[in-house]
């Protein structure tokens, strides 16, 4: 997903720079893709939160009940949680950049931006 999202953003930036682009069609296409990326981001948020919850519950079980057999599980969960958080933040930040790209395309199509409406 990281590579796909990175390549998609490059494609959108190239289209924005291209004066021969049909910005109206690009706006529709980009809007549809934004919805897909938002859904992907939401699913990753849920999974990351559940992973973090499992990690905390495992650490609490070790601390409260002296279940030392759970230490490898806690280490595994922690080792997987850190990259997952990093990936989620990549999704979050890239989707926010895509919102700005949407605003740029919208301004090219309609001549309005958020600043113009203030």
Protein backbone atom coordinates (compact mmCIF):
# COMPACT_ATOMS: atom_id res chain seq x y z
CA UNK A 1 0.00 0.00 0.00
CA UNK A 2 2.89 2.36 0.73
CA UNK A 3 4.25 2.04 -2.81
CA UNK A 4 0.79 2.32 -4.37
CA UNK A 5 -0.04 5.46 -2.41
CA UNK A 6 3.35 7.03 -3.18
CA UNK A 7 2.98 6.33 -6.91
CA UNK A 8 -0.58 7.61 -6.91
CA UNK A 9 0.49 10.89 -5.31
CA UNK A 10 3.25 11.31 -7.92
CA UNK A 11 0.69 10.70 -10.65
CA UNK A 12 -1.68 13.32 -9.23
CA UNK A 13 1.10 15.89 -8.93
CA UNK A 14 2.10 15.25 -12.56
CA UNK A 15 -1.52 15.70 -13.65
CA UNK A 16 -1.82 18.96 -11.70
CA UNK A 17 1.29 20.30 -13.48
CA UNK A 18 -0.01 19.22 -16.91
CA UNK A 19 -1.99 22.06 -18.46
CA UNK A 20 -3.61 19.69 -21.00
CA UNK A 21 -5.23 17.61 -18.25
CA UNK A 22 -9.01 17.39 -17.98
CA UNK A 23 -9.19 18.65 -14.41
CA UNK A 24 -12.89 17.95 -14.11
CA UNK A 25 -12.38 14.24 -14.78
CA UNK A 26 -9.29 14.26 -12.58
CA UNK A 27 -11.34 15.79 -9.75
CA UNK A 28 -13.94 13.01 -10.01
CA UNK A 29 -11.25 10.33 -10.17
CA UNK A 30 -9.31 11.81 -7.27
CA UNK A 31 -12.46 12.13 -5.17
CA UNK A 32 -13.23 8.43 -5.68
CA UNK A 33 -9.66 7.45 -4.79
CA UNK A 34 -9.77 9.64 -1.68
CA UNK A 35 -12.81 7.72 -0.47
CA UNK A 36 -10.95 4.44 -0.97
CA UNK A 37 -7.87 5.71 0.86
CA UNK A 38 -10.02 7.03 3.72
CA UNK A 39 -11.59 3.60 4.09
CA UNK A 40 -8.15 1.96 4.07
CA UNK A 41 -6.94 4.42 6.70
CA UNK A 42 -9.97 3.73 8.90
CA UNK A 43 -9.48 -0.04 8.72
CA UNK A 44 -5.80 0.38 9.62
CA UNK A 45 -6.78 2.58 12.57
CA UNK A 46 -9.11 -0.12 13.91
CA UNK A 47 -6.52 -2.87 13.49
CA UNK A 48 -3.77 -0.74 15.05
CA UNK A 49 -5.98 0.10 18.03
CA UNK A 50 -6.86 -3.56 18.58
CA UNK A 51 -3.20 -4.53 18.29
CA UNK A 52 -2.27 -1.87 20.86
CA UNK A 53 -5.06 -3.06 23.15
CA UNK A 54 -3.82 -6.67 22.93
CA UNK A 55 -0.28 -5.50 23.66
CA UNK A 56 -1.36 -3.54 26.74
CA UNK A 57 -3.54 -6.41 28.00
CA UNK A 58 -0.64 -8.84 27.61
CA UNK A 59 1.74 -6.54 29.49
CA UNK A 60 -0.87 -6.07 32.24
CA UNK A 61 -1.37 -9.85 32.49
CA UNK A 62 2.37 -10.25 32.92
CA UNK A 63 2.51 -7.56 35.61
CA UNK A 64 -0.63 -8.50 37.54
CA UNK A 65 -0.68 -12.28 37.33
CA UNK A 66 3.07 -12.98 37.07
CA UNK A 67 2.58 -14.90 33.81
CA UNK A 68 6.17 -14.87 32.61
CA UNK A 69 5.27 -17.23 29.77
CA UNK A 70 3.55 -14.25 28.11
CA UNK A 71 6.77 -12.25 27.79
CA UNK A 72 7.57 -13.64 24.29
CA UNK A 73 4.02 -12.81 23.18
CA UNK A 74 4.36 -9.26 24.54
CA UNK A 75 7.69 -8.86 22.76
CA UNK A 76 6.19 -10.13 19.50
CA UNK A 77 3.17 -7.83 19.78
CA UNK A 78 5.40 -4.85 20.58
CA UNK A 79 7.70 -5.70 17.68
CA UNK A 80 4.73 -5.75 15.30
CA UNK A 81 2.99 -2.73 16.81
CA UNK A 82 5.84 -0.28 16.20
CA UNK A 83 5.98 -0.81 12.38
CA UNK A 84 2.19 -0.81 12.26
CA UNK A 85 2.07 2.60 13.94
CA UNK A 86 4.70 3.86 11.50
CA UNK A 87 2.63 2.59 8.54
CA UNK A 88 -0.56 4.15 9.91
CA UNK A 89 1.11 7.52 10.28
CA UNK A 90 2.35 7.26 6.68
CA UNK A 91 -1.25 6.64 5.57
CA UNK A 92 -2.56 9.49 7.69
CA UNK A 93 -0.01 12.03 6.49
CA UNK A 94 -0.25 11.03 2.83
CA UNK A 95 -4.05 11.20 2.82
CA UNK A 96 -3.80 14.69 4.31
CA UNK A 97 -1.50 15.66 1.43
CA UNK A 98 -4.07 14.22 -0.99
CA UNK A 99 -6.67 16.54 0.57
CA UNK A 100 -4.46 19.49 -0.36
CA UNK A 101 -4.09 18.09 -3.88
CA UNK A 102 -7.88 17.84 -4.05
CA UNK A 103 -8.17 21.51 -3.10
CA UNK A 104 -5.67 22.42 -5.84
CA UNK A 105 -7.60 20.46 -8.48
CA UNK A 106 -10.90 21.88 -7.23
CA UNK A 107 -9.56 25.41 -7.62
CA UNK A 108 -8.47 24.63 -11.19
CA UNK A 109 -11.96 23.31 -12.03
CA UNK A 110 -14.15 25.80 -10.17
CA UNK A 111 -11.84 28.75 -9.60
CA UNK A 112 -12.55 28.67 -5.88
CA UNK A 113 -10.52 27.62 -2.91
CA UNK A 114 -11.14 27.51 0.80
CA UNK A 115 -9.32 30.81 1.23
CA UNK A 116 -11.56 32.49 -1.37
CA UNK A 117 -14.66 31.67 0.68
CA UNK A 118 -13.46 33.44 3.84
